[in-house]
Protein backbone atom coordinates (compact mmCIF):
# COMPACT_ATOMS: atom_id res chain seq x y z
CA MET A 1 64.87 24.91 -42.74
CA ILE A 2 61.01 25.44 -44.15
CA GLU A 3 59.00 28.19 -43.55
CA VAL A 4 54.96 27.93 -43.44
CA GLU A 5 52.82 30.88 -42.91
CA CYS A 6 49.65 30.66 -40.64
CA ASP A 7 47.44 33.15 -38.54
CA VAL A 8 48.27 31.99 -34.99
CA VAL A 9 50.40 29.33 -33.61
CA VAL A 10 49.47 27.66 -30.15
CA LEU A 11 52.54 26.60 -28.34
CA GLY A 12 51.72 24.15 -25.86
CA LEU A 13 48.34 22.29 -25.71
CA GLY A 14 47.07 22.09 -22.37
CA PRO A 15 43.42 22.87 -21.00
CA GLY A 16 44.03 26.67 -22.15
CA GLY A 17 45.92 26.30 -25.44
CA GLU A 18 43.84 23.42 -26.74
CA HIS A 19 40.64 25.34 -26.52
CA ALA A 20 42.36 28.30 -28.07
CA ALA A 21 43.52 26.28 -30.82
CA ILE A 22 39.95 24.42 -31.42
CA LYS A 23 38.00 27.73 -31.22
CA LEU A 24 40.53 29.95 -33.55
CA GLY A 25 40.02 26.73 -36.18
CA ARG A 26 36.39 26.71 -35.70
CA ALA A 27 36.48 30.71 -36.45
CA GLY A 28 38.66 29.91 -39.81
CA LEU A 29 41.80 31.22 -38.78
CA GLU A 30 44.78 29.12 -39.99
CA VAL A 31 46.07 27.62 -36.57
CA VAL A 32 49.19 25.30 -35.85
CA GLY A 33 49.13 23.75 -32.51
CA VAL A 34 52.65 22.88 -31.18
CA GLU A 35 52.99 20.13 -28.59
CA ASP A 36 55.89 17.79 -27.51
CA ARG A 37 53.95 15.60 -24.89
CA LEU A 38 50.20 14.93 -24.60
CA VAL A 39 47.43 17.17 -26.22
CA GLY A 40 45.30 18.06 -23.44
CA GLY A 41 48.42 18.77 -20.86
CA GLU A 42 48.74 17.62 -17.52
CA CYS A 43 44.85 17.78 -16.53
CA PRO A 44 42.88 14.57 -18.33
CA TYR A 45 46.14 12.62 -18.07
CA TYR A 46 48.29 13.30 -14.62
CA GLY A 47 46.16 15.88 -12.74
CA CYS A 48 42.49 16.57 -12.33
CA VAL A 49 40.88 13.76 -14.08
CA PRO A 50 42.82 10.92 -12.90
CA SER A 51 43.14 12.16 -9.56
CA LYS A 52 39.35 12.58 -9.05
CA MET A 53 38.75 9.25 -10.02
CA MET A 54 41.16 8.14 -7.33
CA ILE A 55 39.40 10.28 -4.72
CA ALA A 56 36.08 9.10 -5.67
CA ALA A 57 37.16 5.51 -5.15
CA ALA A 58 39.01 6.49 -1.72
CA HIS A 59 36.01 8.23 -0.52
CA LEU A 60 33.68 5.16 -1.22
CA VAL A 61 35.79 3.05 0.77
CA ALA A 62 35.95 5.41 3.76
CA ASP A 63 31.81 5.60 3.45
CA VAL A 64 31.47 2.03 4.02
CA HIS A 65 33.90 2.10 6.99
CA ARG A 66 31.30 4.73 8.50
CA VAL A 67 28.01 2.58 7.75
CA LYS A 68 28.46 1.21 11.57
CA ASP A 69 27.66 4.65 12.79
CA PHE A 70 24.77 5.30 11.04
CA GLY A 71 22.87 1.72 10.77
CA GLY A 72 24.23 -1.52 9.95
CA THR A 73 27.39 -3.31 9.33
CA ALA A 74 29.51 -3.62 6.55
CA THR A 75 33.18 -4.47 5.47
CA VAL A 76 35.18 -3.48 2.46
CA GLN A 77 37.99 -5.12 1.29
CA PRO A 78 39.87 -2.29 -0.93
CA ASP A 79 41.33 -3.23 -4.29
CA TRP A 80 43.28 -0.72 -6.34
CA GLY A 81 42.89 -3.01 -9.62
CA PRO A 82 39.31 -1.10 -10.54
CA VAL A 83 40.69 2.24 -10.03
CA ALA A 84 44.10 1.97 -12.09
CA ARG A 85 41.72 0.34 -14.85
CA ARG A 86 39.38 3.06 -14.85
CA ILE A 87 42.11 5.73 -15.02
CA ARG A 88 43.98 3.56 -17.78
CA ASP A 89 40.51 3.07 -19.92
CA GLU A 90 38.17 5.50 -19.23
CA ALA A 91 40.53 8.52 -18.26
CA THR A 92 43.82 8.40 -20.12
CA ASP A 93 43.15 5.98 -23.22
CA ASP A 94 46.51 4.38 -21.51
CA TRP A 95 48.01 7.73 -22.12
CA ASP A 96 47.37 8.10 -25.28
CA ASP A 97 46.26 11.54 -27.11
CA THR A 98 45.01 10.22 -30.31
CA ALA A 99 41.59 11.27 -29.85
CA ALA A 100 42.37 14.66 -28.60
CA VAL A 101 44.96 15.28 -31.81
CA LYS A 102 41.97 13.95 -33.60
CA ARG A 103 39.61 16.40 -32.40
CA LEU A 104 42.10 19.21 -33.03
CA VAL A 105 42.60 18.51 -36.31
CA GLU A 106 38.63 18.17 -37.11
CA ASN A 107 38.05 21.72 -35.67
CA GLY A 108 40.35 23.20 -38.19
CA ALA A 109 43.99 23.12 -36.70
CA THR A 110 47.09 21.71 -38.02
CA PHE A 111 48.70 19.67 -35.48
CA ALA A 112 52.63 19.71 -35.03
CA ARG A 113 54.31 17.14 -32.82
CA GLY A 114 57.60 18.34 -31.10
CA ARG A 115 59.06 20.87 -29.14
CA GLY A 116 58.18 24.43 -29.80
CA VAL A 117 60.98 27.29 -29.75
CA LEU A 118 60.03 31.02 -30.20
CA ASP A 119 62.38 32.30 -32.66
CA GLY A 120 61.27 36.07 -32.97
CA PRO A 121 57.90 37.65 -32.95
CA GLY A 122 55.16 35.59 -34.26
CA ARG A 123 57.55 32.71 -34.90
CA VAL A 124 57.94 29.06 -33.67
CA ARG A 125 60.45 26.78 -34.74
CA VAL A 126 59.43 23.02 -34.68
CA GLY A 127 62.47 20.77 -36.07
CA ASP A 128 63.27 21.71 -39.48
CA THR A 129 60.28 24.05 -39.66
CA THR A 130 59.49 27.56 -38.80
CA TYR A 131 55.67 28.68 -38.36
CA VAL A 132 55.26 32.50 -39.17
CA ALA A 133 51.96 33.50 -37.53
CA ARG A 134 50.51 36.73 -38.99
CA LYS A 135 48.92 37.51 -36.01
CA GLY A 136 51.00 35.53 -33.22
CA VAL A 137 51.39 33.13 -30.78
CA VAL A 138 49.79 32.14 -27.77
CA LEU A 139 52.14 30.46 -25.20
CA ASN A 140 50.81 27.66 -23.19
CA THR A 141 53.85 25.77 -22.10
CA GLY A 142 52.50 24.82 -18.31
CA THR A 143 54.59 23.48 -15.66
CA ALA A 144 56.04 20.67 -14.59
CA PRO A 145 56.67 18.77 -11.18
CA ALA A 146 59.42 20.11 -9.30
CA ALA A 147 61.92 18.34 -6.53
CA PRO A 148 63.42 20.38 -3.90
CA PRO A 149 67.17 20.85 -3.70
CA ILE A 150 67.71 18.15 -0.74
CA ASP A 151 70.75 16.33 -0.35
CA GLY A 152 70.44 12.91 -1.65
CA LEU A 153 67.07 13.26 -3.81
CA GLN A 154 68.40 13.64 -7.19
CA GLY A 155 68.88 10.37 -8.42
CA THR A 156 66.73 8.39 -6.60
CA PRO A 157 63.47 6.85 -7.91
CA TYR A 158 61.06 8.97 -6.14
CA TRP A 159 57.43 9.47 -7.67
CA THR A 160 55.48 12.53 -8.69
CA ASN A 161 51.95 12.92 -9.72
CA ARG A 162 52.81 11.58 -12.98
CA ASP A 163 53.91 8.06 -11.37
CA ALA A 164 51.06 8.19 -9.15
CA VAL A 165 48.07 8.44 -11.03
CA ALA A 166 49.91 5.28 -13.09
CA LEU A 167 50.10 2.87 -10.22
CA THR A 168 48.84 -0.70 -10.69
CA GLU A 169 50.02 -1.78 -7.43
CA LEU A 170 50.24 0.03 -4.20
CA PRO A 171 52.85 0.44 -1.75
CA LYS A 172 52.67 -0.67 1.85
CA SER A 173 54.12 2.53 2.70
CA LEU A 174 54.74 5.74 1.53
CA ILE A 175 56.03 9.16 2.59
CA VAL A 176 54.70 12.35 1.00
CA LEU A 177 56.79 15.04 0.33
CA GLY A 178 54.59 18.26 0.36
CA GLY A 179 51.34 19.05 2.18
CA GLY A 180 50.16 21.06 -0.45
CA PRO A 181 46.74 20.20 -2.20
CA ILE A 182 48.24 17.48 -4.84
CA GLY A 183 50.25 15.83 -1.71
CA CYS A 184 47.35 16.10 0.58
CA GLU A 185 44.94 14.40 -1.98
CA PHE A 186 47.22 11.52 -2.67
CA ALA A 187 48.15 11.06 1.05
CA GLN A 188 44.48 10.60 1.83
CA VAL A 189 43.84 8.26 -1.30
CA PHE A 190 46.37 5.76 -0.63
CA ALA A 191 45.90 5.75 3.24
CA ARG A 192 42.44 4.97 2.48
CA PHE A 193 43.49 1.88 0.42
CA GLY A 194 45.83 0.72 3.09
CA VAL A 195 48.95 2.28 2.59
CA ARG A 196 50.89 3.38 5.58
CA VAL A 197 51.37 7.22 4.72
CA THR A 198 53.26 9.67 6.47
CA VAL A 199 53.06 13.70 4.79
CA VAL A 200 56.34 15.56 5.43
CA GLU A 201 55.49 19.64 5.10
CA VAL A 202 58.02 22.07 5.54
CA ALA A 203 55.57 24.89 6.10
CA ASP A 204 54.08 24.96 9.62
CA ARG A 205 50.81 23.36 8.67
CA LEU A 206 48.86 21.53 5.87
CA VAL A 207 47.74 23.67 2.85
CA ALA A 208 49.40 26.38 4.20
CA THR A 209 47.98 28.86 1.49
CA GLU A 210 44.53 28.46 2.89
CA GLU A 211 43.23 29.93 6.16
CA PRO A 212 44.99 28.59 9.55
CA GLU A 213 41.39 27.02 10.81
CA ALA A 214 41.37 25.20 7.66
CA SER A 215 44.52 23.56 8.21
CA GLU A 216 43.46 22.70 11.34
CA VAL A 217 40.29 20.97 10.57
CA LEU A 218 42.20 18.75 7.68
CA THR A 219 44.91 17.97 9.82
CA LYS A 220 42.79 16.17 12.50
CA ALA A 221 40.89 14.46 9.66
CA PHE A 222 44.11 13.01 8.65
CA GLU A 223 45.38 11.92 12.09
CA ALA A 224 41.82 10.39 12.87
CA GLU A 225 42.42 8.22 9.59
CA GLY A 226 46.07 7.30 10.88
CA ILE A 227 47.72 9.58 8.72
CA ASP A 228 51.34 10.43 10.22
CA VAL A 229 51.44 14.07 9.63
CA ARG A 230 54.89 15.94 10.04
CA ALA A 231 54.43 19.79 9.71
CA GLY A 232 56.92 22.61 10.38
CA VAL A 233 60.06 20.02 9.76
CA ASN A 234 63.11 20.83 7.30
CA VAL A 235 64.35 17.51 5.56
CA ALA A 236 68.32 17.67 6.04
CA SER A 237 68.57 14.41 3.59
CA VAL A 238 67.18 11.53 1.58
CA VAL A 239 68.39 8.31 1.72
CA HIS A 240 67.37 5.39 -0.76
CA ASP A 241 68.56 1.48 -0.61
CA ASP A 242 66.97 -1.12 -2.31
CA ASP A 243 64.21 -1.43 0.14
CA GLN A 244 63.14 2.13 1.35
CA PHE A 245 63.52 5.82 1.58
CA THR A 246 64.64 7.49 4.48
CA LEU A 247 64.34 11.31 5.17
CA ASP A 248 66.22 13.15 7.81
CA LEU A 249 64.36 15.29 9.62
CA GLY A 250 66.92 16.44 12.08
CA SER A 251 65.42 15.64 15.48
CA ASP A 252 64.04 12.49 13.68
CA LYS A 253 64.01 10.08 10.68
CA VAL A 254 61.06 8.82 8.79
CA SER A 255 61.08 5.67 6.36
CA ALA A 256 58.73 4.30 4.02
CA GLU A 257 59.09 1.82 0.86
CA LYS A 258 58.32 4.67 -1.68
CA LEU A 259 58.60 8.55 -1.98
CA LEU A 260 56.02 10.79 -3.58
CA VAL A 261 57.39 14.29 -4.19
CA ALA A 262 54.63 16.72 -4.32
CA ALA A 263 56.71 20.06 -3.06
CA GLY A 264 55.68 22.10 -5.96
CA ARG A 265 55.64 22.98 -9.98
CA LYS A 266 58.13 24.70 -11.88
CA ALA A 267 57.03 26.58 -15.10
CA ASN A 268 58.24 25.24 -18.48
CA LEU A 269 59.68 28.33 -19.79
CA ASP A 270 63.50 26.94 -20.00
CA PHE A 271 65.07 27.14 -23.38
CA ILE A 272 61.79 28.08 -25.52
CA GLY A 273 63.41 31.15 -27.05
CA LEU A 274 61.75 33.90 -24.62
CA ASP A 275 65.01 36.11 -25.41
CA THR A 276 64.09 36.24 -28.86
CA VAL A 277 60.70 38.18 -28.27
CA GLY A 278 62.12 40.81 -25.82
CA LEU A 279 61.46 38.77 -22.62
CA GLY A 280 64.39 37.52 -20.00
CA ASP A 281 65.25 33.89 -20.89
CA ASP A 282 65.40 32.97 -17.11
CA LEU A 283 61.74 34.18 -16.12
CA LYS A 284 59.86 32.28 -13.45
CA VAL A 285 56.65 33.31 -14.78
CA VAL A 286 55.34 35.55 -17.96
CA GLU A 287 53.83 38.81 -17.02
CA THR A 288 50.71 39.62 -19.26
CA ASP A 289 48.00 42.49 -19.40
CA GLU A 290 44.60 42.33 -18.88
CA ARG A 291 44.34 40.86 -22.59
CA MET A 292 46.88 38.29 -22.01
CA ARG A 293 49.26 40.07 -24.11
CA ALA A 294 53.02 39.50 -22.92
CA GLY A 295 54.56 41.18 -26.04
CA ASP A 296 54.72 41.75 -29.97
CA LYS A 297 52.70 38.98 -31.61
CA LEU A 298 52.50 37.25 -28.21
CA TRP A 299 49.93 36.19 -25.55
CA ALA A 300 50.61 33.66 -22.41
CA VAL A 301 47.93 31.71 -20.79
CA GLY A 302 47.77 29.05 -18.27
CA ASP A 303 50.39 28.56 -15.42
CA ILE A 304 53.00 30.11 -16.49
CA THR A 305 51.21 33.35 -16.13
CA GLY A 306 51.73 32.90 -12.08
CA LYS A 307 47.99 33.61 -12.06
CA GLY A 308 47.13 29.79 -10.24
CA ALA A 309 47.78 26.67 -11.71
CA PHE A 310 44.42 25.60 -12.06
CA THR A 311 42.51 24.43 -15.23
CA HIS A 312 40.23 27.02 -14.63
CA VAL A 313 42.42 29.96 -14.57
CA SER A 314 43.77 28.36 -18.03
CA MET A 315 40.65 28.40 -19.31
CA TYR A 316 39.38 31.62 -18.38
CA GLN A 317 42.54 33.32 -19.78
CA SER A 318 42.18 31.37 -23.17
CA ALA A 319 38.66 33.24 -23.49
CA ILE A 320 40.05 36.33 -23.20
CA ALA A 321 43.03 35.82 -25.50
CA LEU A 322 40.62 34.49 -28.03
CA ARG A 323 38.70 37.75 -27.83
CA ASP A 324 41.71 39.87 -28.56
CA ILE A 325 42.94 37.65 -31.23
CA LEU A 326 39.56 37.95 -32.80
CA GLY A 327 38.74 41.50 -32.44
CA GLU A 328 35.90 40.92 -29.94
CA LYS A 329 34.82 43.03 -27.01
CA GLY A 330 34.73 41.47 -23.38
CA ALA A 331 35.69 42.03 -20.05
CA PRO A 332 39.50 42.03 -19.11
CA ALA A 333 41.17 39.82 -16.82
CA ARG A 334 40.66 39.99 -13.20
CA TYR A 335 42.12 37.91 -10.42
CA HIS A 336 40.30 39.02 -7.28
CA ALA A 337 37.93 35.97 -6.86
CA VAL A 338 39.84 33.07 -8.20
CA PRO A 339 38.32 29.82 -6.53
CA HIS A 340 40.26 26.56 -5.96
CA THR A 341 39.36 23.50 -4.19
CA THR A 342 41.60 20.85 -2.27
CA PHE A 343 39.48 17.63 -3.18
CA THR A 344 40.48 15.80 0.27
CA ASP A 345 37.80 14.87 2.88
CA PRO A 346 36.70 17.38 4.40
CA GLU A 347 36.92 19.40 0.91
CA VAL A 348 38.84 22.77 1.28
CA GLY A 349 37.50 25.43 -0.89
CA GLY A 350 39.01 28.94 -1.09
CA VAL A 351 38.38 32.24 -3.00
CA GLY A 352 39.84 35.74 -3.14
CA MET A 353 41.85 36.73 -0.06
CA THR A 354 42.61 34.64 3.15
CA GLU A 355 42.31 36.98 6.29
CA GLN A 356 45.83 37.40 6.35
CA GLN A 357 46.37 38.06 2.62
CA ALA A 358 43.60 40.80 3.32
CA ARG A 359 45.23 42.35 6.29
CA ASP A 360 48.99 42.56 4.40
CA ALA A 361 47.15 44.40 1.81
CA GLY A 362 45.84 47.19 3.81
CA LEU A 363 42.45 46.85 3.96
CA SER A 364 40.40 47.12 6.81
CA VAL A 365 38.92 43.73 7.83
CA ARG A 366 37.09 41.50 9.93
CA THR A 367 36.11 38.16 10.12
CA GLY A 368 32.96 35.57 10.54
CA SER A 369 33.20 31.93 10.97
CA THR A 370 30.90 28.83 11.77
CA ALA A 371 31.77 25.15 12.54
CA LEU A 372 29.83 23.10 10.00
CA GLU A 373 29.09 20.31 12.22
CA LYS A 374 27.07 22.93 14.27
CA SER A 375 24.64 23.19 11.32
CA SER A 376 21.63 21.49 11.29
CA ARG A 377 22.92 19.70 8.01
CA GLY A 378 26.19 19.12 9.68
CA PHE A 379 24.89 17.79 13.00
CA THR A 380 22.53 15.46 11.06
CA HIS A 381 25.36 14.45 8.51
CA GLY A 382 26.87 13.17 11.62
CA PRO A 383 30.36 11.27 11.00
CA GLY A 384 32.38 13.08 8.57
CA GLY A 385 30.40 16.40 8.80
CA HIS A 386 32.82 18.45 10.02
CA GLY A 387 34.24 21.70 8.69
CA LEU A 388 34.15 25.34 8.79
CA ILE A 389 32.97 28.37 6.56
CA LYS A 390 34.73 31.73 7.24
CA VAL A 391 33.94 34.88 5.50
CA VAL A 392 36.63 37.85 4.81
CA GLU A 393 34.99 41.52 4.68
CA ASP A 394 36.47 44.46 3.57
CA THR A 395 34.32 46.80 5.96
CA ASP A 396 35.65 50.27 3.96
CA ARG A 397 33.54 48.59 0.78
CA GLY A 398 30.96 46.55 2.78
CA VAL A 399 31.82 43.56 0.66
CA LEU A 400 33.50 39.80 1.11
CA VAL A 401 37.01 39.98 -0.49
CA GLY A 402 37.52 36.46 0.67
CA GLY A 403 35.85 32.96 1.76
CA THR A 404 36.65 29.60 3.10
CA ALA A 405 34.37 26.49 2.87
CA VAL A 406 35.47 23.29 4.32
CA GLY A 407 33.36 20.10 4.81
CA PRO A 408 31.78 17.23 2.79
CA ALA A 409 30.81 19.81 0.18
CA GLY A 410 33.40 22.32 0.28
CA GLY A 411 33.65 22.90 -3.01
CA GLU A 412 30.32 23.31 -3.93
CA ILE A 413 29.61 25.53 -0.71
CA LEU A 414 32.23 27.60 -2.32
CA GLY A 415 30.05 28.68 -5.67
CA PHE A 416 28.04 30.83 -3.45
CA LEU A 417 31.07 32.68 -1.76
CA ALA A 418 32.73 32.86 -5.24
CA VAL A 419 29.79 34.65 -6.78
CA ALA A 420 29.92 37.20 -3.59
CA VAL A 421 33.20 37.97 -3.83
CA HIS A 422 33.33 37.90 -7.80
CA ALA A 423 30.45 40.49 -8.00
CA GLU A 424 31.21 42.18 -4.75
CA VAL A 425 27.61 41.76 -3.39
CA PRO A 426 27.29 43.51 -0.25
CA VAL A 427 27.27 42.24 3.02
CA ASP A 428 24.02 43.76 4.12
CA THR A 429 22.48 42.32 0.85
CA LEU A 430 23.80 38.95 1.70
CA ARG A 431 22.15 38.87 5.15
CA THR A 432 18.77 39.58 3.80
CA MET A 433 19.07 36.43 1.48
CA ILE A 434 16.71 33.41 2.43
CA TYR A 435 19.19 30.37 2.86
CA ALA A 436 17.55 26.92 2.09
CA TYR A 437 17.15 24.78 5.27
CA PRO A 438 18.57 22.18 6.17
CA THR A 439 21.84 22.71 3.58
CA PHE A 440 25.36 22.97 4.16
CA HIS A 441 25.02 26.26 2.32
CA ARG A 442 22.95 27.86 5.42
CA ALA A 443 25.83 27.81 7.49
CA ILE A 444 27.20 30.99 5.59
CA GLU A 445 24.42 32.87 6.93
CA SER A 446 25.70 32.09 10.65
CA ALA A 447 29.24 32.96 9.43
CA LEU A 448 27.99 36.48 7.97
CA ALA A 449 26.22 36.91 11.62
CA ASP A 450 29.61 36.28 13.06
CA LEU A 451 31.16 39.18 11.35
CA SER A 452 33.18 41.21 13.93
C-alpha cells in the first residue's frame, strides 16, 4: 500500500466535486480528484444537458403542429437521428470524459481513476494507494437511478435515464414508471416523437411534490397530447417477454415494448467507508452543518446531502465548502429558497415551500393565484399558453415563502419569485413594482392581488 500526501481529496467528481477540485487547484492547493465513472457526473452525460437537447427538439416538433392554429400549414416528420447525433457528438463526446479530465489537470489537480473509499479522517483509499489529505476530504459521490421493489422487475431489461439519453432508435410504445420530473420530461419527449406513452405513478398525481394546481395543468397537457396517465395506482408485478413489458396495476394491466423506470434515485453511500469517519454505514443522506462540514476533515456536497438533487444545489454547496477550506468569509448555507424546474411543456417551476408545506410548518398562510392564459401575454400567445402562477405568503412576516410558475416560460418566470422568496422582499413592496406589459411575469401582479 502506497501513501500519498496532499491538501484535499475530492471523492466524486460530479458538478460540485469537479468545481471544488478545479477551484482548489487554481488556489494552489495539492488536490486529488477521485472518480470511477465519468468526470462531470450525471448532469452532462445522462441528465441535464442531453435531456434538455431532447426536450428542445421535441418542443420544436410540437410547435410545428401548432402552426395551423396561428397562420398557415406545415407538416413535420419526426426523426430521432439528429437528436441522437447531437447528444453523442455535442453533449457527451460519445460518453467520453477526456476533455473534462484534461480541464481538471490543467487547473492544477491530480486525477485518480478508480473507486475511492474513506479510510479514516482525511484519508481516501483508491486501489493500492491511500491519499492522506492535510486539510480533508470533500465527499460528492452523488446518486444513481433507483428501482422500486416490484415483483418481477429485477432482472428485466428495463431502462433508466442513462439508457434513455443514449437511444439511437425509438420504440413504438413505452411505459414510464414514475411521474416525477425525470419521468414526465422523457414521457413528453418520446410522445412527441411518435411513441405511444403510458405514465404510471404511484402517487395520486404527476409531479406530486409540486402544488396540486400545477399537477392538474400538466396532466391536462399530457392527455391532450395522447399520453396515457395512470396516477394513484399500485404496481403489483412486472412481466417481460421477448416482445413487451406488462405491468399489473391490480384492476388493470398496461403493456408496451419498453419500460423506463424513473422512480427516484439512491445516494451512492454504500461501502464507501463512512464508518471509518464516525458516520453510520447505512445512511440515506449525509448531514452537514451550514459550512458543509460532515465530520472531522470532511465536507459533503451535492445529492448525498438530501437538500435537492439539483446541479445548482451542488454548485452552491461546493462554493460554501470551498470558502470554509480556504478560510474565506461568506454566507452560510440556507435552503429556504431552492428553485427547481421540470422542463415539460408547460414548464413547472417552483421555489421555497408549497402551500401544504407552509401549513405543515405551522405558518400563518394565505395564497394567491392566477391562470396564465388569462394574462395578456397568455391570451396573445394562444395555443400552448396555459399555465398558472401561485404565491404562498407567511402573513405574520408579510413575505412570500413559496411560489410556483407553470407555463411556456415557467422556469424563467420563476427567477422573479426566487428573488422574492430568497431576499424575503415584503409583499407590500412587490405590490408597488411596475410590471412590464405584456409579459408572462406580469401575471405575478395578479397572483399577488389574489392573496387571501
